[in-house]
Protein backbone atom coordinates (compact mmCIF):
# COMPACT_ATOMS: atom_id res chain seq x y z
CA MET A 1 112.99 66.24 86.65
CA LYS A 2 113.57 69.42 83.97
CA LYS A 3 114.39 73.07 85.78
CA ALA A 4 112.34 75.62 85.08
CA VAL A 5 112.16 79.83 85.63
CA ILE A 6 108.82 80.98 86.54
CA LEU A 7 108.49 84.87 86.45
CA LEU A 8 105.95 85.34 89.49
CA SER A 9 103.87 88.53 89.83
CA GLY A 10 102.51 87.79 92.83
CA GLY A 11 99.12 88.23 90.57
CA LEU A 12 96.57 85.80 89.06
CA ASP A 13 98.09 85.42 85.94
CA SER A 14 101.75 84.62 86.94
CA ALA A 15 100.18 82.10 89.78
CA THR A 16 98.05 80.54 87.33
CA CYS A 17 101.60 80.02 84.80
CA LEU A 18 103.16 78.85 87.67
CA ALA A 19 100.59 76.01 88.45
CA ILE A 20 100.84 74.97 84.93
CA ALA A 21 104.78 74.68 84.71
CA ILE A 22 104.78 72.26 87.91
CA ASP A 23 102.20 70.13 86.51
CA SER A 24 104.16 69.85 83.37
CA GLY A 25 107.10 68.06 84.72
CA PHE A 26 108.99 71.37 85.42
CA LEU A 27 111.13 71.52 88.40
CA PRO A 28 110.43 75.61 89.73
CA TYR A 29 112.83 78.13 90.34
CA ALA A 30 110.78 82.24 90.81
CA LEU A 31 111.80 85.09 89.87
CA SER A 32 110.11 87.86 91.39
CA PHE A 33 111.31 91.62 90.78
CA ARG A 34 111.15 95.01 93.25
CA TYR A 35 110.88 97.39 90.48
CA GLY A 36 110.42 99.78 92.35
CA GLN A 37 106.36 100.00 91.99
CA ARG A 38 104.03 101.61 93.90
CA HIS A 39 103.46 98.80 96.28
CA GLU A 40 105.11 95.19 97.78
CA PHE A 41 101.39 93.47 98.61
CA GLU A 42 102.06 91.32 94.45
CA LEU A 43 106.06 90.64 96.33
CA ASP A 44 103.72 89.26 99.34
CA SER A 45 101.12 86.98 97.28
CA ALA A 46 104.51 85.97 95.47
CA LYS A 47 106.07 84.41 98.54
CA ALA A 48 103.15 82.93 99.66
CA VAL A 49 102.43 81.65 96.44
CA SER A 50 105.22 79.97 96.22
CA LYS A 51 105.26 78.99 99.49
CA SER A 52 102.26 77.32 99.03
CA MET A 53 102.66 75.26 95.56
CA GLY A 54 106.73 74.30 97.04
CA VAL A 55 108.55 76.09 94.79
CA GLU A 56 112.20 75.18 94.48
CA LYS A 57 114.34 78.38 95.46
CA HIS A 58 112.65 82.16 94.98
CA ILE A 59 114.38 84.93 94.81
CA ILE A 60 112.97 88.30 94.66
CA LEU A 61 115.20 91.05 92.93
CA ASP A 62 115.94 94.17 93.39
CA ILE A 63 115.52 96.46 90.24
CA ASP A 64 114.60 100.17 90.26
CA LEU A 65 112.74 102.13 86.97
CA ARG A 66 111.02 103.99 89.10
CA ALA A 67 114.58 106.52 87.89
CA PHE A 68 112.85 106.97 84.75
CA GLY A 69 109.22 106.90 85.60
CA GLY A 70 107.19 107.04 82.58
CA SER A 71 104.08 104.69 83.96
CA ALA A 72 101.66 105.14 85.88
CA LEU A 73 103.04 101.87 88.38
CA THR A 74 106.88 103.85 88.82
CA ASP A 75 105.74 107.49 89.14
CA ASP A 76 103.87 109.45 90.49
CA ILE A 77 101.30 109.45 87.54
CA GLU A 78 97.48 108.36 88.76
CA VAL A 79 96.16 104.82 88.15
CA PRO A 80 93.12 105.26 85.56
CA LYS A 81 89.92 104.21 87.29
CA ASP A 82 86.51 102.53 85.79
CA ARG A 83 87.67 102.44 81.55
CA ASP A 84 85.83 100.92 79.18
CA GLU A 85 86.64 97.51 78.95
CA THR A 86 86.75 98.21 75.08
CA ASN A 87 89.40 101.17 75.51
CA ILE A 88 90.69 98.49 78.29
CA LYS A 89 91.27 96.18 75.46
CA ASN A 90 92.42 98.68 72.77
CA GLU A 91 95.18 101.20 74.35
CA ILE A 92 97.77 101.65 75.78
CA PRO A 93 97.44 103.27 79.39
CA VAL A 94 99.11 104.84 81.74
CA THR A 95 99.92 101.54 84.07
CA TYR A 96 101.94 100.24 80.91
CA VAL A 97 106.20 100.34 82.06
CA PRO A 98 108.31 101.02 79.45
CA ALA A 99 110.58 97.20 77.73
CA ARG A 100 108.88 95.68 81.50
CA ASN A 101 108.63 92.36 80.30
CA THR A 102 112.03 92.52 78.38
CA ILE A 103 113.56 93.70 81.18
CA PHE A 104 112.51 90.85 83.22
CA LEU A 105 112.98 88.03 80.64
CA SER A 106 116.87 88.97 80.14
CA PHE A 107 117.39 88.97 83.93
CA GLY A 108 115.18 85.46 83.78
CA LEU A 109 116.98 84.27 80.72
CA ALA A 110 120.66 85.09 82.90
CA TYR A 111 118.85 83.13 85.29
CA ALA A 112 118.11 80.14 83.31
CA GLU A 113 121.13 80.12 81.54
CA THR A 114 122.77 79.58 84.82
CA LEU A 115 120.68 77.23 86.31
CA ARG A 116 121.35 75.49 82.84
CA ALA A 117 117.72 75.57 81.78
CA ASN A 118 115.98 75.54 78.95
CA ASP A 119 112.76 76.64 79.46
CA ILE A 120 111.19 79.96 81.06
CA PHE A 121 107.42 80.72 81.86
CA ILE A 122 105.88 83.85 81.35
CA GLY A 123 102.32 84.64 82.01
CA VAL A 124 101.66 86.85 79.37
CA ASN A 125 98.07 87.28 77.62
CA ALA A 126 96.88 88.48 74.49
CA LEU A 127 93.26 88.75 74.71
CA ASP A 128 92.16 89.81 78.41
CA TYR A 129 95.12 92.10 78.65
CA SER A 130 95.51 95.89 79.60
CA GLY A 131 96.80 96.59 75.67
CA TYR A 132 100.00 96.59 76.84
CA PRO A 133 102.91 95.24 73.68
CA ASP A 134 105.18 93.33 75.22
CA CYS A 135 102.40 90.22 76.02
CA ARG A 136 101.75 90.19 72.43
CA PRO A 137 102.91 86.34 70.51
CA GLU A 138 104.47 87.96 67.94
CA TYR A 139 106.96 90.00 71.01
CA ILE A 140 107.63 87.08 71.89
CA ALA A 141 108.41 84.28 69.65
CA SER A 142 111.29 87.32 68.93
CA PHE A 143 112.43 87.04 72.15
CA GLN A 144 112.66 83.64 72.15
CA HIS A 145 114.84 84.19 68.32
CA MET A 146 117.15 86.97 70.50
CA ALA A 147 117.73 84.30 73.66
CA ASN A 148 118.64 82.15 71.17
CA LEU A 149 121.35 84.66 69.46
CA ALA A 150 122.39 85.82 72.84
CA THR A 151 123.75 82.83 75.02
CA LYS A 152 126.68 80.49 75.57
CA VAL A 153 124.04 77.44 75.29
CA GLY A 154 122.58 78.71 72.70
CA VAL A 155 125.58 79.25 70.71
CA GLU A 156 128.12 76.33 71.93
CA GLU A 157 126.07 73.62 72.77
CA LYS A 158 122.99 74.63 70.40
CA SER A 159 120.45 74.18 72.95
CA ASP A 160 117.14 75.98 72.28
CA THR A 161 115.77 78.68 74.66
CA ASN A 162 111.64 78.09 75.27
CA ILE A 163 109.93 80.50 76.58
CA HIS A 164 106.57 79.28 78.06
CA THR A 165 103.13 81.87 77.12
CA PRO A 166 100.65 78.61 78.46
CA LEU A 167 97.83 82.03 79.09
CA ILE A 168 98.60 83.39 75.97
CA ASP A 169 94.86 82.74 73.84
CA LEU A 170 92.87 82.58 76.99
CA THR A 171 90.50 84.44 77.95
CA LYS A 172 90.32 85.52 81.87
CA SER A 173 88.08 82.59 82.88
CA ASP A 174 90.19 80.47 81.16
CA ILE A 175 92.55 81.19 83.26
CA ILE A 176 90.97 81.28 87.14
CA LYS A 177 89.20 77.77 85.36
CA ALA A 178 92.42 75.95 84.31
CA GLY A 179 94.42 77.31 88.13
CA LEU A 180 90.99 76.41 90.03
CA ASN A 181 91.82 72.45 88.64
CA LEU A 182 95.37 72.72 89.63
CA ASN A 183 94.17 74.01 93.16
CA VAL A 184 95.53 77.13 92.80
CA ASP A 185 94.32 79.45 96.28
CA TYR A 186 93.55 82.86 94.34
CA GLY A 187 93.39 84.47 98.20
CA LEU A 188 97.40 84.05 98.23
CA THR A 189 97.25 86.38 94.53
CA HIS A 190 97.23 90.59 94.29
CA SER A 191 96.43 91.98 91.20
CA CYS A 192 95.57 95.58 92.12
CA TYR A 193 97.49 98.56 90.65
CA ASP A 194 96.24 101.06 93.22
CA PRO A 195 95.39 98.98 96.43
CA GLU A 196 94.73 100.70 99.84
CA GLN A 197 96.71 100.66 102.66
CA ASN A 198 95.52 97.89 104.15
CA GLY A 199 96.03 96.07 100.63
CA TYR A 200 92.26 95.55 99.60
CA SER A 201 92.20 95.88 96.39
CA CYS A 202 91.21 98.51 94.36
CA GLY A 203 88.18 96.90 92.72
CA HIS A 204 88.41 100.32 89.99
CA CYS A 205 91.43 100.22 88.48
CA ASP A 206 92.20 97.46 85.37
CA ALA A 207 93.81 94.25 86.44
CA CYS A 208 91.24 94.68 89.07
CA GLN A 209 87.81 95.27 86.47
CA LEU A 210 89.43 92.21 84.36
CA ARG A 211 89.75 90.28 87.54
CA ILE A 212 86.80 90.44 88.57
CA ARG A 213 84.69 90.07 85.27
CA GLY A 214 86.65 86.82 84.90
CA PHE A 215 85.13 85.14 88.02
CA GLU A 216 81.89 87.06 87.39
CA LYS A 217 81.76 84.83 84.15
CA LEU A 218 82.32 81.49 85.98
CA GLY A 219 80.14 82.79 88.39
CA LEU A 220 82.34 82.56 90.95
CA SER A 221 83.21 85.33 94.00
CA ASP A 222 86.55 87.09 94.19
CA PRO A 223 88.33 85.67 96.94
CA ILE A 224 90.53 88.77 97.38
CA LYS A 225 89.30 91.44 99.44
CA TYR A 226 88.09 94.98 98.23
CA SER A 227 87.86 98.22 99.51
CA LYS A 228 84.40 98.97 97.42
């Protein structure tokens, strides 16, 4: 089996991405980040998802993006709630963490090179997402090009790194449907930006709204708990 690094946040998208990688025949090495985010419920979910899917190895890496701040997820900035769906898709919100996917993919690239793996999976989405610039196809293509210029295997062995984005053109409901077909337990996942202290999701932030609508469009109930 070919090895692959899977960026695993513990959310719905990354759990589905992990399941797709496994179904595609890859041996998964999961990589999560404790980056100074508002809470660690998502990391608990990442551990649970990783265990449930039989991941070969799961690393949680510590980096401190809170030292920079600049985002509602890494600073004392209020998380926006109940935003209009049009605004969610067309505005870059304060929950955007500057350069986060670039940082995460860079660590993923370093990990992949040590594993002699040529494949990295990331659950970015360009349809039902919160307007983040580092979720777009052109960004992923640029990073992949850079990766093949910046690594030893890329230069000496002419071995291309492939950044897999299997969710990038899917709606949230399509993502959920794909995951259910692969037996993803969405009850283990966590997506909320601003959960209660008991871990219940708020139901009002962008991530919660997109997730709730995704299940509703399939005529299903989200298996996680909400505070509302």
